[in-house]
Amino acid sequence: MNDKPVVIGVAGGTGSGKTSVTRSIIQRFTDKTLLMIEQDYYYKDQSDVPFEERLETNYDHPLAFDNDLLMEHLQELIDQKSVEKPVYDYKMHTRSEETIHVEPKEVIIVEGILVLEDERLRDMMDIKVFVDTDADVRIIRRMMRDINERGRTLDSVIEQYINVVRPMHLQFVEPTKRYADIIIPEGGQNHVAIDLMASKIQTVLYEKGLLIDEENS
């Protein structure tokens, strides 16, 4: 790489389609061009906390995230150094001993519900995106994910949404929309917005003198 990587933040409520948007954008470029860093891999390590207390973790609060480590890794990637991305164990409610090796690339997309909440993290971004999807769609997607992928019961998902997810969204996530340069309604279903976003990334890459594969741009 011959210039600083382009850093893009993609935020939005749980189940809004942030990951779908990010993956759709990545698919438009070569594998060597873009990488995704997921904020929810950076939940704080709780190995020193009793398991019963871990069960009460509020994963939708800004304090649940280890943003210091996230920014440290992001800076290392910007400096063209590889990092060992942490892995979070949702069954044990703490960080796993496993890590994922990540190499720097020309575009870094940082994705998560609260990536626009921390001013220090925002200052590291060249483009800030908010994926805006109706609450009823988001809760259905959250139910499907937590039940199918995380072994949760329907009752526990609904209780958590009412008591934690919704109030945290209104208090912390929704207000970060004002920091976005681009707002994408309806997530991964908005193909026009995704195409425009991909075109914007291509323009920024050319402006920074970074090369991309034209056949995939």
N, C-alpha and C. Protein backbone atom coordinates (compact mmCIF):
# COMPACT_ATOMS: atom_id res chain seq x y z
N MET A 1 0.84 -1.19 0.00
CA MET A 1 0.00 0.00 0.00
C MET A 1 0.88 1.25 0.00
N ASN A 2 0.48 2.23 -0.72
CA ASN A 2 1.29 3.43 -0.83
C ASN A 2 0.67 4.64 -0.16
N ASP A 3 -0.33 4.42 0.67
CA ASP A 3 -0.94 5.53 1.39
C ASP A 3 -1.72 4.95 2.57
N LYS A 4 -2.19 5.83 3.44
CA LYS A 4 -2.98 5.39 4.59
C LYS A 4 -4.24 4.66 4.12
N PRO A 5 -4.57 3.53 4.72
CA PRO A 5 -5.80 2.83 4.35
C PRO A 5 -7.04 3.70 4.60
N VAL A 6 -8.07 3.43 3.85
CA VAL A 6 -9.36 4.11 4.05
C VAL A 6 -10.11 3.38 5.16
N VAL A 7 -10.52 4.11 6.18
CA VAL A 7 -11.24 3.53 7.31
C VAL A 7 -12.70 3.96 7.26
N ILE A 8 -13.60 2.98 7.24
CA ILE A 8 -15.04 3.25 7.15
C ILE A 8 -15.73 2.66 8.37
N GLY A 9 -16.55 3.45 9.03
CA GLY A 9 -17.35 2.95 10.14
C GLY A 9 -18.77 2.69 9.69
N VAL A 10 -19.30 1.50 10.02
CA VAL A 10 -20.68 1.15 9.68
C VAL A 10 -21.42 0.82 10.96
N ALA A 11 -22.33 1.71 11.37
CA ALA A 11 -23.07 1.55 12.61
C ALA A 11 -24.55 1.33 12.31
N GLY A 12 -25.33 1.14 13.37
CA GLY A 12 -26.76 0.93 13.24
C GLY A 12 -27.24 -0.02 14.32
N GLY A 13 -28.54 -0.06 14.53
CA GLY A 13 -29.10 -0.89 15.58
C GLY A 13 -28.92 -2.37 15.34
N THR A 14 -29.12 -3.16 16.38
CA THR A 14 -29.04 -4.60 16.27
C THR A 14 -30.03 -5.11 15.23
N GLY A 15 -29.57 -5.96 14.32
CA GLY A 15 -30.44 -6.50 13.29
C GLY A 15 -30.76 -5.53 12.17
N SER A 16 -30.04 -4.42 12.08
CA SER A 16 -30.33 -3.41 11.05
C SER A 16 -29.83 -3.82 9.67
N GLY A 17 -28.88 -4.75 9.64
CA GLY A 17 -28.31 -5.16 8.36
C GLY A 17 -26.91 -4.62 8.13
N LYS A 18 -26.23 -4.22 9.21
CA LYS A 18 -24.87 -3.68 9.08
C LYS A 18 -23.93 -4.68 8.41
N THR A 19 -23.98 -5.92 8.89
CA THR A 19 -23.09 -6.94 8.35
C THR A 19 -23.41 -7.24 6.89
N SER A 20 -24.68 -7.29 6.54
CA SER A 20 -25.08 -7.53 5.16
C SER A 20 -24.59 -6.42 4.24
N VAL A 21 -24.72 -5.18 4.70
CA VAL A 21 -24.23 -4.04 3.93
C VAL A 21 -22.72 -4.15 3.72
N THR A 22 -22.01 -4.43 4.81
CA THR A 22 -20.55 -4.52 4.74
C THR A 22 -20.10 -5.63 3.80
N ARG A 23 -20.72 -6.80 3.92
CA ARG A 23 -20.34 -7.92 3.06
C ARG A 23 -20.67 -7.65 1.60
N SER A 24 -21.79 -6.97 1.36
CA SER A 24 -22.17 -6.63 -0.01
C SER A 24 -21.15 -5.68 -0.63
N ILE A 25 -20.65 -4.75 0.17
CA ILE A 25 -19.64 -3.83 -0.32
C ILE A 25 -18.33 -4.57 -0.59
N ILE A 26 -17.93 -5.43 0.34
CA ILE A 26 -16.68 -6.18 0.19
C ILE A 26 -16.69 -7.03 -1.06
N GLN A 27 -17.85 -7.60 -1.39
CA GLN A 27 -17.96 -8.47 -2.56
C GLN A 27 -17.71 -7.74 -3.87
N ARG A 28 -17.81 -6.42 -3.84
CA ARG A 28 -17.61 -5.64 -5.06
C ARG A 28 -16.13 -5.34 -5.33
N PHE A 29 -15.27 -5.76 -4.41
CA PHE A 29 -13.84 -5.51 -4.57
C PHE A 29 -13.08 -6.82 -4.44
N THR A 30 -11.77 -6.76 -4.66
CA THR A 30 -10.97 -7.97 -4.52
C THR A 30 -10.76 -8.30 -3.05
N ASP A 31 -10.44 -9.56 -2.77
CA ASP A 31 -10.20 -9.99 -1.40
C ASP A 31 -9.01 -9.26 -0.77
N LYS A 32 -8.11 -8.78 -1.61
CA LYS A 32 -6.91 -8.11 -1.10
C LYS A 32 -7.15 -6.64 -0.80
N THR A 33 -8.33 -6.14 -1.09
CA THR A 33 -8.59 -4.71 -0.97
C THR A 33 -9.26 -4.33 0.35
N LEU A 34 -10.28 -5.09 0.78
CA LEU A 34 -11.08 -4.72 1.94
C LEU A 34 -11.01 -5.77 3.04
N LEU A 35 -11.13 -5.31 4.28
CA LEU A 35 -11.31 -6.22 5.40
C LEU A 35 -12.34 -5.63 6.36
N MET A 36 -12.99 -6.51 7.13
CA MET A 36 -13.99 -6.08 8.10
C MET A 36 -13.52 -6.38 9.51
N ILE A 37 -13.61 -5.39 10.38
CA ILE A 37 -13.34 -5.56 11.80
C ILE A 37 -14.66 -5.39 12.55
N GLU A 38 -15.13 -6.44 13.19
CA GLU A 38 -16.42 -6.42 13.88
C GLU A 38 -16.24 -5.97 15.32
N GLN A 39 -16.99 -4.95 15.72
CA GLN A 39 -16.88 -4.44 17.09
C GLN A 39 -17.26 -5.49 18.12
N ASP A 40 -18.21 -6.37 17.79
CA ASP A 40 -18.64 -7.33 18.80
C ASP A 40 -17.63 -8.46 19.02
N TYR A 41 -16.52 -8.45 18.30
CA TYR A 41 -15.40 -9.33 18.66
C TYR A 41 -14.60 -8.72 19.81
N TYR A 42 -14.85 -7.44 20.07
CA TYR A 42 -14.07 -6.69 21.05
C TYR A 42 -14.84 -6.41 22.35
N TYR A 43 -15.73 -7.33 22.72
CA TYR A 43 -16.31 -7.21 24.05
C TYR A 43 -15.21 -7.44 25.08
N LYS A 44 -15.34 -6.82 26.22
CA LYS A 44 -14.30 -6.91 27.24
C LYS A 44 -14.13 -8.34 27.76
N ASP A 45 -12.89 -8.67 28.07
CA ASP A 45 -12.61 -9.96 28.70
C ASP A 45 -13.19 -9.96 30.12
N GLN A 46 -13.93 -11.03 30.45
CA GLN A 46 -14.56 -11.12 31.78
C GLN A 46 -14.14 -12.39 32.52
N SER A 47 -12.97 -12.90 32.17
CA SER A 47 -12.51 -14.14 32.78
C SER A 47 -12.32 -14.03 34.29
N ASP A 48 -12.14 -12.80 34.77
CA ASP A 48 -11.95 -12.61 36.22
C ASP A 48 -13.27 -12.33 36.94
N VAL A 49 -14.39 -12.39 36.19
CA VAL A 49 -15.72 -12.12 36.76
C VAL A 49 -16.46 -13.44 36.96
N PRO A 50 -17.09 -13.65 38.12
CA PRO A 50 -17.86 -14.89 38.33
C PRO A 50 -18.89 -15.10 37.23
N PHE A 51 -19.11 -16.36 36.84
CA PHE A 51 -19.99 -16.67 35.71
C PHE A 51 -21.39 -16.11 35.91
N GLU A 52 -21.89 -16.17 37.14
CA GLU A 52 -23.24 -15.68 37.42
C GLU A 52 -23.35 -14.19 37.11
N GLU A 53 -22.28 -13.45 37.36
CA GLU A 53 -22.28 -12.02 37.06
C GLU A 53 -22.16 -11.77 35.56
N ARG A 54 -21.44 -12.64 34.88
CA ARG A 54 -21.30 -12.49 33.43
C ARG A 54 -22.65 -12.61 32.73
N LEU A 55 -23.53 -13.42 33.30
CA LEU A 55 -24.85 -13.62 32.69
C LEU A 55 -25.66 -12.33 32.65
N GLU A 56 -25.29 -11.37 33.50
CA GLU A 56 -26.01 -10.11 33.58
C GLU A 56 -25.39 -9.03 32.69
N THR A 57 -24.42 -9.41 31.87
CA THR A 57 -23.72 -8.43 31.03
C THR A 57 -24.68 -7.73 30.06
N ASN A 58 -24.58 -6.42 30.03
CA ASN A 58 -25.37 -5.63 29.09
C ASN A 58 -24.52 -5.38 27.85
N TYR A 59 -24.73 -6.23 26.82
CA TYR A 59 -23.90 -6.17 25.62
C TYR A 59 -24.26 -5.00 24.70
N ASP A 60 -25.27 -4.24 25.05
CA ASP A 60 -25.68 -3.10 24.22
C ASP A 60 -25.26 -1.77 24.82
N HIS A 61 -24.46 -1.82 25.88
CA HIS A 61 -23.97 -0.60 26.53
C HIS A 61 -22.54 -0.32 26.06
N PRO A 62 -22.19 0.94 25.86
CA PRO A 62 -20.83 1.27 25.41
C PRO A 62 -19.73 0.69 26.29
N LEU A 63 -19.99 0.57 27.60
CA LEU A 63 -18.96 0.08 28.51
C LEU A 63 -18.67 -1.41 28.35
N ALA A 64 -19.50 -2.12 27.57
CA ALA A 64 -19.26 -3.55 27.34
C ALA A 64 -18.10 -3.79 26.38
N PHE A 65 -17.73 -2.75 25.63
CA PHE A 65 -16.72 -2.91 24.59
C PHE A 65 -15.34 -2.47 25.06
N ASP A 66 -14.33 -3.18 24.58
CA ASP A 66 -12.94 -2.82 24.83
C ASP A 66 -12.48 -1.96 23.65
N ASN A 67 -12.94 -0.73 23.62
CA ASN A 67 -12.61 0.16 22.51
C ASN A 67 -11.12 0.51 22.48
N ASP A 68 -10.48 0.46 23.65
CA ASP A 68 -9.05 0.75 23.67
C ASP A 68 -8.29 -0.28 22.83
N LEU A 69 -8.63 -1.55 22.99
CA LEU A 69 -7.99 -2.60 22.20
C LEU A 69 -8.38 -2.49 20.73
N LEU A 70 -9.65 -2.18 20.47
CA LEU A 70 -10.11 -2.01 19.10
C LEU A 70 -9.33 -0.91 18.40
N MET A 71 -9.16 0.23 19.07
CA MET A 71 -8.43 1.35 18.46
C MET A 71 -6.95 1.03 18.31
N GLU A 72 -6.41 0.29 19.27
CA GLU A 72 -5.01 -0.13 19.17
C GLU A 72 -4.80 -1.00 17.93
N HIS A 73 -5.70 -1.97 17.73
CA HIS A 73 -5.60 -2.84 16.56
C HIS A 73 -5.84 -2.07 15.27
N LEU A 74 -6.79 -1.15 15.30
CA LEU A 74 -7.08 -0.35 14.11
C LEU A 74 -5.87 0.49 13.72
N GLN A 75 -5.22 1.07 14.70
CA GLN A 75 -4.03 1.88 14.42
C GLN A 75 -2.91 1.02 13.86
N GLU A 76 -2.75 -0.19 14.39
CA GLU A 76 -1.72 -1.08 13.87
C GLU A 76 -2.01 -1.45 12.42
N LEU A 77 -3.27 -1.70 12.09
CA LEU A 77 -3.64 -2.00 10.71
C LEU A 77 -3.39 -0.79 9.81
N ILE A 78 -3.70 0.40 10.31
CA ILE A 78 -3.43 1.63 9.55
C ILE A 78 -1.93 1.77 9.30
N ASP A 79 -1.13 1.35 10.29
CA ASP A 79 0.33 1.39 10.16
C ASP A 79 0.88 0.20 9.39
N GLN A 80 -0.03 -0.56 8.76
CA GLN A 80 0.31 -1.69 7.90
C GLN A 80 0.95 -2.83 8.67
N LYS A 81 0.48 -3.04 9.90
CA LYS A 81 0.93 -4.16 10.72
C LYS A 81 -0.24 -5.13 10.91
N SER A 82 0.04 -6.40 11.02
CA SER A 82 -1.00 -7.39 11.26
C SER A 82 -1.39 -7.41 12.73
N VAL A 83 -2.59 -7.91 13.02
CA VAL A 83 -3.08 -7.99 14.40
C VAL A 83 -3.70 -9.37 14.64
N GLU A 84 -3.86 -9.69 15.92
CA GLU A 84 -4.57 -10.90 16.33
C GLU A 84 -5.92 -10.48 16.89
N LYS A 85 -6.95 -10.57 16.07
CA LYS A 85 -8.30 -10.14 16.47
C LYS A 85 -8.86 -11.11 17.51
N PRO A 86 -9.40 -10.59 18.61
CA PRO A 86 -9.95 -11.48 19.64
C PRO A 86 -11.22 -12.16 19.17
N VAL A 87 -11.57 -13.24 19.85
CA VAL A 87 -12.81 -13.98 19.60
C VAL A 87 -13.59 -14.02 20.90
N TYR A 88 -14.90 -13.74 20.82
CA TYR A 88 -15.71 -13.73 22.04
C TYR A 88 -16.56 -14.99 22.11
N ASP A 89 -16.56 -15.61 23.29
CA ASP A 89 -17.33 -16.83 23.55
C ASP A 89 -18.64 -16.44 24.23
N TYR A 90 -19.74 -16.49 23.47
CA TYR A 90 -21.03 -16.05 24.01
C TYR A 90 -21.64 -17.05 24.98
N LYS A 91 -21.19 -18.28 24.93
CA LYS A 91 -21.71 -19.26 25.89
C LYS A 91 -21.07 -19.08 27.26
N MET A 92 -19.79 -18.71 27.26
CA MET A 92 -19.07 -18.49 28.51
C MET A 92 -19.09 -17.02 28.92
N HIS A 93 -19.57 -16.16 28.03
CA HIS A 93 -19.68 -14.71 28.30
C HIS A 93 -18.33 -14.09 28.68
N THR A 94 -17.32 -14.47 27.91
CA THR A 94 -16.02 -13.86 28.09
C THR A 94 -15.20 -14.09 26.83
N ARG A 95 -14.04 -13.50 26.78
CA ARG A 95 -13.19 -13.61 25.60
C ARG A 95 -12.57 -15.01 25.52
N SER A 96 -12.57 -15.56 24.33
CA SER A 96 -11.97 -16.87 24.10
C SER A 96 -10.46 -16.77 24.08
N GLU A 97 -9.79 -17.90 24.25
CA GLU A 97 -8.33 -17.92 24.14
C GLU A 97 -7.90 -17.88 22.68
N GLU A 98 -8.82 -18.14 21.76
CA GLU A 98 -8.51 -18.12 20.34
C GLU A 98 -8.42 -16.69 19.83
N THR A 99 -7.67 -16.50 18.75
CA THR A 99 -7.61 -15.22 18.05
C THR A 99 -7.66 -15.48 16.55
N ILE A 100 -7.91 -14.44 15.78
CA ILE A 100 -7.93 -14.53 14.33
C ILE A 100 -6.87 -13.60 13.77
N HIS A 101 -5.96 -14.15 12.97
CA HIS A 101 -4.90 -13.34 12.39
C HIS A 101 -5.46 -12.48 11.26
N VAL A 102 -5.18 -11.18 11.32
CA VAL A 102 -5.71 -10.23 10.33
C VAL A 102 -4.56 -9.43 9.74
N GLU A 103 -4.49 -9.43 8.42
CA GLU A 103 -3.48 -8.66 7.70
C GLU A 103 -4.06 -7.31 7.27
N PRO A 104 -3.25 -6.26 7.22
CA PRO A 104 -3.75 -4.95 6.78
C PRO A 104 -4.16 -4.95 5.32
N LYS A 105 -5.15 -4.13 4.99
CA LYS A 105 -5.60 -4.00 3.61
C LYS A 105 -5.87 -2.53 3.30
N GLU A 106 -6.24 -2.26 2.06
CA GLU A 106 -6.37 -0.88 1.61
C GLU A 106 -7.61 -0.19 2.17
N VAL A 107 -8.65 -0.97 2.49
CA VAL A 107 -9.88 -0.43 3.07
C VAL A 107 -10.23 -1.25 4.30
N ILE A 108 -10.46 -0.57 5.41
CA ILE A 108 -10.83 -1.23 6.66
C ILE A 108 -12.23 -0.78 7.04
N ILE A 109 -13.17 -1.72 7.11
CA ILE A 109 -14.53 -1.40 7.52
C ILE A 109 -14.74 -1.86 8.96
N VAL A 110 -15.00 -0.91 9.84
CA VAL A 110 -15.25 -1.21 11.25
C VAL A 110 -16.76 -1.23 11.44
N GLU A 111 -17.31 -2.38 11.83
CA GLU A 111 -18.77 -2.57 11.86
C GLU A 111 -19.24 -2.91 13.26
N GLY A 112 -20.33 -2.26 13.71
CA GLY A 112 -20.88 -2.56 15.02
C GLY A 112 -21.91 -1.53 15.45
N ILE A 113 -22.72 -1.90 16.44
CA ILE A 113 -23.82 -1.03 16.84
C ILE A 113 -23.36 0.32 17.36
N LEU A 114 -22.16 0.36 17.95
CA LEU A 114 -21.73 1.59 18.61
C LEU A 114 -20.39 2.10 18.11
N VAL A 115 -20.04 1.81 16.87
CA VAL A 115 -18.74 2.26 16.37
C VAL A 115 -18.68 3.77 16.18
N LEU A 116 -19.85 4.44 16.14
CA LEU A 116 -19.86 5.89 16.01
C LEU A 116 -20.07 6.59 17.35
N GLU A 117 -20.16 5.81 18.44
CA GLU A 117 -20.44 6.40 19.74
C GLU A 117 -19.21 7.02 20.38
N ASP A 118 -18.04 6.43 20.13
CA ASP A 118 -16.79 6.88 20.74
C ASP A 118 -16.11 7.89 19.80
N GLU A 119 -15.95 9.11 20.29
CA GLU A 119 -15.36 10.17 19.46
C GLU A 119 -13.97 9.80 18.98
N ARG A 120 -13.20 9.12 19.83
CA ARG A 120 -11.84 8.74 19.44
C ARG A 120 -11.86 7.79 18.25
N LEU A 121 -12.84 6.89 18.23
CA LEU A 121 -12.97 5.94 17.13
C LEU A 121 -13.46 6.65 15.87
N ARG A 122 -14.42 7.57 16.05
CA ARG A 122 -14.91 8.35 14.90
C ARG A 122 -13.79 9.12 14.23
N ASP A 123 -12.88 9.65 15.04
CA ASP A 123 -11.80 10.47 14.49
C ASP A 123 -10.84 9.66 13.63
N MET A 124 -10.88 8.34 13.74
CA MET A 124 -10.01 7.48 12.96
C MET A 124 -10.64 7.11 11.61
N MET A 125 -11.90 7.52 11.41
CA MET A 125 -12.66 7.10 10.22
C MET A 125 -12.65 8.17 9.14
N ASP A 126 -12.56 7.71 7.90
CA ASP A 126 -12.67 8.62 6.75
C ASP A 126 -14.12 8.77 6.31
N ILE A 127 -14.91 7.71 6.45
CA ILE A 127 -16.33 7.72 6.08
C ILE A 127 -17.12 7.06 7.19
N LYS A 128 -18.23 7.69 7.58
CA LYS A 128 -19.08 7.15 8.65
C LYS A 128 -20.47 6.86 8.09
N VAL A 129 -20.94 5.62 8.32
CA VAL A 129 -22.21 5.16 7.75
C VAL A 129 -23.13 4.70 8.88
N PHE A 130 -24.42 5.00 8.75
CA PHE A 130 -25.42 4.50 9.70
C PHE A 130 -26.48 3.74 8.90
N VAL A 131 -26.69 2.47 9.25
CA VAL A 131 -27.71 1.65 8.60
C VAL A 131 -28.99 1.76 9.41
N ASP A 132 -30.02 2.31 8.79
CA ASP A 132 -31.26 2.67 9.50
C ASP A 132 -32.40 1.76 9.06
N THR A 133 -32.84 0.87 9.94
CA THR A 133 -33.89 -0.10 9.63
C THR A 133 -34.97 -0.06 10.70
N ASP A 134 -36.23 -0.26 10.30
CA ASP A 134 -37.36 -0.19 11.23
C ASP A 134 -37.18 -1.17 12.39
N ALA A 135 -37.70 -0.79 13.55
CA ALA A 135 -37.51 -1.58 14.77
C ALA A 135 -38.13 -2.96 14.67
N ASP A 136 -39.29 -3.10 14.01
CA ASP A 136 -39.93 -4.41 13.95
C ASP A 136 -39.08 -5.40 13.14
N VAL A 137 -38.44 -4.92 12.10
CA VAL A 137 -37.57 -5.79 11.31
C VAL A 137 -36.34 -6.17 12.13
N ARG A 138 -35.80 -5.22 12.87
CA ARG A 138 -34.60 -5.49 13.65
C ARG A 138 -34.84 -6.51 14.75
N ILE A 139 -35.97 -6.43 15.44
CA ILE A 139 -36.23 -7.38 16.52
C ILE A 139 -36.42 -8.79 15.99
N ILE A 140 -37.08 -8.92 14.83
CA ILE A 140 -37.25 -10.25 14.23
C ILE A 140 -35.89 -10.84 13.86
N ARG A 141 -35.02 -10.04 13.27
CA ARG A 141 -33.69 -10.52 12.91
C ARG A 141 -32.90 -10.89 14.16
N ARG A 142 -33.05 -10.10 15.22
CA ARG A 142 -32.34 -10.39 16.48
C ARG A 142 -32.83 -11.71 17.05
N MET A 143 -34.13 -11.94 17.04
CA MET A 143 -34.69 -13.20 17.54
C MET A 143 -34.10 -14.39 16.79
N MET A 144 -34.11 -14.30 15.47
CA MET A 144 -33.62 -15.40 14.64
C MET A 144 -32.16 -15.69 14.92
N ARG A 145 -31.36 -14.63 15.04
CA ARG A 145 -29.93 -14.82 15.29
C ARG A 145 -29.67 -15.43 16.66
N ASP A 146 -30.28 -14.86 17.71
CA ASP A 146 -29.99 -15.32 19.06
C ASP A 146 -30.51 -16.72 19.32
N ILE A 147 -31.64 -17.08 18.70
CA ILE A 147 -32.19 -18.42 18.89
C ILE A 147 -31.40 -19.45 18.09
N ASN A 148 -31.13 -19.14 16.83
CA ASN A 148 -30.48 -20.11 15.94
C ASN A 148 -28.98 -20.20 16.14
N GLU A 149 -28.33 -19.07 16.45
CA GLU A 149 -26.87 -19.06 16.51
C GLU A 149 -26.32 -19.06 17.93
N ARG A 150 -27.11 -18.59 18.89
CA ARG A 150 -26.58 -18.45 20.24
C ARG A 150 -27.36 -19.26 21.28
N GLY A 151 -28.28 -20.10 20.81
CA GLY A 151 -28.96 -21.03 21.69
C GLY A 151 -29.89 -20.39 22.71
N ARG A 152 -30.39 -19.20 22.41
CA ARG A 152 -31.27 -18.50 23.34
C ARG A 152 -32.71 -18.97 23.16
N THR A 153 -33.53 -18.81 24.22
CA THR A 153 -34.95 -19.10 24.12
C THR A 153 -35.69 -17.86 23.65
N LEU A 154 -36.88 -18.05 23.07
CA LEU A 154 -37.67 -16.92 22.58
C LEU A 154 -38.00 -15.96 23.72
N ASP A 155 -38.41 -16.51 24.87
CA ASP A 155 -38.77 -15.65 26.01
C ASP A 155 -37.59 -14.80 26.47
N SER A 156 -36.39 -15.39 26.50
CA SER A 156 -35.23 -14.63 26.99
C SER A 156 -34.86 -13.53 26.00
N VAL A 157 -35.02 -13.80 24.71
CA VAL A 157 -34.70 -12.78 23.70
C VAL A 157 -35.67 -11.61 23.80
N ILE A 158 -36.96 -11.91 23.96
CA ILE A 158 -37.97 -10.86 24.07
C ILE A 158 -37.75 -10.03 25.33
N GLU A 159 -37.49 -10.71 26.45
CA GLU A 159 -37.27 -10.01 27.72
C GLU A 159 -36.05 -9.09 27.62
N GLN A 160 -34.97 -9.61 27.01
CA GLN A 160 -33.77 -8.80 26.86
C GLN A 160 -34.01 -7.60 25.95
N TYR A 161 -34.78 -7.82 24.89
CA TYR A 161 -35.05 -6.71 23.96
C TYR A 161 -35.82 -5.59 24.66
N ILE A 162 -36.84 -5.96 25.40
CA ILE A 162 -37.68 -4.95 26.07
C ILE A 162 -36.92 -4.23 27.16
N ASN A 163 -36.16 -4.99 27.97
CA ASN A 163 -35.52 -4.41 29.15
C ASN A 163 -34.15 -3.81 28.88
N VAL A 164 -33.47 -4.27 27.83
CA VAL A 164 -32.09 -3.83 27.60
C VAL A 164 -31.88 -3.26 26.20
N VAL A 165 -32.16 -4.08 25.18
CA VAL A 165 -31.80 -3.70 23.81
C VAL A 165 -32.48 -2.41 23.37
N ARG A 166 -33.80 -2.36 23.53
CA ARG A 166 -34.54 -1.18 23.07
C ARG A 166 -34.11 0.09 23.80
N PRO A 167 -34.07 0.09 25.15
CA PRO A 167 -33.65 1.33 25.82
C PRO A 167 -32.20 1.72 25.49
N MET A 168 -31.32 0.73 25.32
CA MET A 168 -29.93 1.05 24.96
C MET A 168 -29.85 1.63 23.55
N HIS A 169 -30.69 1.10 22.66
CA HIS A 169 -30.72 1.63 21.29
C HIS A 169 -31.14 3.10 21.30
N LEU A 170 -32.20 3.39 22.05
CA LEU A 170 -32.70 4.77 22.08
C LEU A 170 -31.71 5.72 22.76
N GLN A 171 -31.00 5.21 23.77
CA GLN A 171 -30.09 6.07 24.53
C GLN A 171 -28.73 6.25 23.86
N PHE A 172 -28.21 5.18 23.26
CA PHE A 172 -26.83 5.23 22.77
C PHE A 172 -26.66 5.06 21.26
N VAL A 173 -27.47 4.20 20.63
CA VAL A 173 -27.25 3.89 19.21
C VAL A 173 -27.89 4.93 18.31
N GLU A 174 -29.18 5.16 18.48
CA GLU A 174 -29.92 6.09 17.60
C GLU A 174 -29.28 7.48 17.56
N PRO A 175 -28.81 8.03 18.70
CA PRO A 175 -28.21 9.37 18.65
C PRO A 175 -26.96 9.46 17.78
N THR A 176 -26.27 8.33 17.53
CA THR A 176 -25.04 8.39 16.73
C THR A 176 -25.32 8.58 15.26
N LYS A 177 -26.59 8.51 14.87
CA LYS A 177 -26.95 8.74 13.47
C LYS A 177 -26.50 10.12 13.01
N ARG A 178 -26.47 11.08 13.92
CA ARG A 178 -26.11 12.45 13.54
C ARG A 178 -24.65 12.58 13.13
N TYR A 179 -23.84 11.59 13.48
CA TYR A 179 -22.43 11.64 13.10
C TYR A 179 -22.17 11.04 11.71
N ALA A 180 -23.18 10.40 11.13
CA ALA A 180 -22.99 9.67 9.87
C ALA A 180 -22.86 10.62 8.68
N ASP A 181 -21.96 10.28 7.78
CA ASP A 181 -21.87 10.97 6.50
C ASP A 181 -22.90 10.43 5.53
N ILE A 182 -23.23 9.15 5.69
CA ILE A 182 -24.17 8.46 4.81
C ILE A 182 -25.13 7.64 5.65
N ILE A 183 -26.44 7.74 5.36
CA ILE A 183 -27.44 6.91 6.03
C ILE A 183 -28.04 5.97 5.00
N ILE A 184 -28.02 4.66 5.30
CA ILE A 184 -28.55 3.65 4.39
C ILE A 184 -29.81 3.04 4.99
N PRO A 185 -30.99 3.36 4.45
CA PRO A 185 -32.23 2.76 4.95
C PRO A 185 -32.34 1.29 4.52
N GLU A 186 -32.91 0.47 5.40
CA GLU A 186 -33.26 -0.93 5.09
C GLU A 186 -32.08 -1.84 4.80
N GLY A 187 -30.90 -1.48 5.27
CA GLY A 187 -29.76 -2.39 5.26
C GLY A 187 -29.41 -3.01 3.93
N GLY A 188 -29.14 -4.33 3.97
CA GLY A 188 -28.65 -5.04 2.80
C GLY A 188 -29.62 -5.11 1.65
N GLN A 189 -30.89 -4.75 1.87
CA GLN A 189 -31.88 -4.76 0.79
C GLN A 189 -31.80 -3.52 -0.08
N ASN A 190 -31.06 -2.52 0.39
CA ASN A 190 -30.96 -1.26 -0.35
C ASN A 190 -29.78 -1.33 -1.32
N HIS A 191 -30.01 -1.96 -2.46
CA HIS A 191 -28.92 -2.18 -3.41
C HIS A 191 -28.42 -0.88 -4.03
N VAL A 192 -29.31 0.08 -4.20
CA VAL A 192 -28.89 1.36 -4.78
C VAL A 192 -27.89 2.05 -3.86
N ALA A 193 -28.21 2.09 -2.56
CA ALA A 193 -27.32 2.74 -1.59
C ALA A 193 -25.99 2.01 -1.50
N ILE A 194 -26.02 0.68 -1.56
CA ILE A 194 -24.79 -0.10 -1.49
C ILE A 194 -23.92 0.17 -2.71
N ASP A 195 -24.56 0.25 -3.89
CA ASP A 195 -23.81 0.56 -5.11
C ASP A 195 -23.16 1.95 -5.01
N LEU A 196 -23.92 2.91 -4.48
CA LEU A 196 -23.38 4.25 -4.32
C LEU A 196 -22.22 4.26 -3.33
N MET A 197 -22.36 3.47 -2.26
CA MET A 197 -21.29 3.38 -1.26
C MET A 197 -20.04 2.77 -1.87
N ALA A 198 -20.21 1.72 -2.67
CA ALA A 198 -19.06 1.09 -3.32
C ALA A 198 -18.38 2.07 -4.28
N SER A 199 -19.19 2.86 -4.98
CA SER A 199 -18.63 3.86 -5.90
C SER A 199 -17.85 4.92 -5.13
N LYS A 200 -18.36 5.31 -3.97
CA LYS A 200 -17.68 6.30 -3.14
C LYS A 200 -16.33 5.76 -2.66
N ILE A 201 -16.31 4.50 -2.26
CA ILE A 201 -15.05 3.89 -1.82
C ILE A 201 -14.05 3.88 -2.97
N GLN A 202 -14.53 3.54 -4.16
CA GLN A 202 -13.64 3.52 -5.33
C GLN A 202 -13.06 4.91 -5.58
N THR A 203 -13.90 5.93 -5.47
CA THR A 203 -13.43 7.31 -5.69
C THR A 203 -12.37 7.69 -4.67
N VAL A 204 -12.62 7.36 -3.39
CA VAL A 204 -11.66 7.70 -2.34
C VAL A 204 -10.35 6.96 -2.57
N LEU A 205 -10.43 5.71 -3.00
CA LEU A 205 -9.22 4.93 -3.27
C LEU A 205 -8.37 5.59 -4.37
N TYR A 206 -9.05 6.03 -5.43
CA TYR A 206 -8.32 6.69 -6.51
C TYR A 206 -7.72 8.01 -6.03
N GLU A 207 -8.47 8.75 -5.23
CA GLU A 207 -7.96 10.03 -4.73
C GLU A 207 -6.73 9.84 -3.86
N LYS A 208 -6.69 8.72 -3.12
CA LYS A 208 -5.56 8.44 -2.24
C LYS A 208 -4.43 7.72 -2.98
N GLY A 209 -4.65 7.43 -4.26
CA GLY A 209 -3.62 6.76 -5.03
C GLY A 209 -3.51 5.28 -4.76
N LEU A 210 -4.54 4.68 -4.18
CA LEU A 210 -4.53 3.25 -3.91
C LEU A 210 -5.09 2.50 -5.10
N LEU A 211 -4.48 1.40 -5.47
CA LEU A 211 -4.90 0.66 -6.64
C LEU A 211 -5.92 -0.39 -6.26
N ILE A 212 -6.94 -0.57 -7.11
CA ILE A 212 -7.92 -1.63 -6.93
C ILE A 212 -8.09 -2.35 -8.24
N ASP A 213 -8.67 -3.54 -8.18
CA ASP A 213 -8.93 -4.33 -9.38
C ASP A 213 -10.16 -3.76 -10.06
N GLU A 214 -9.99 -3.16 -11.25
CA GLU A 214 -11.10 -2.49 -11.92
C GLU A 214 -12.23 -3.46 -12.28
N GLU A 215 -11.90 -4.73 -12.49
CA GLU A 215 -12.93 -5.70 -12.87
C GLU A 215 -13.88 -5.98 -11.73
N ASN A 216 -13.46 -5.66 -10.48
CA ASN A 216 -14.30 -5.94 -9.32
C ASN A 216 -14.76 -4.68 -8.64
N SER A 217 -14.55 -3.55 -9.24
CA SER A 217 -14.92 -2.29 -8.60
C SER A 217 -16.26 -1.81 -9.09
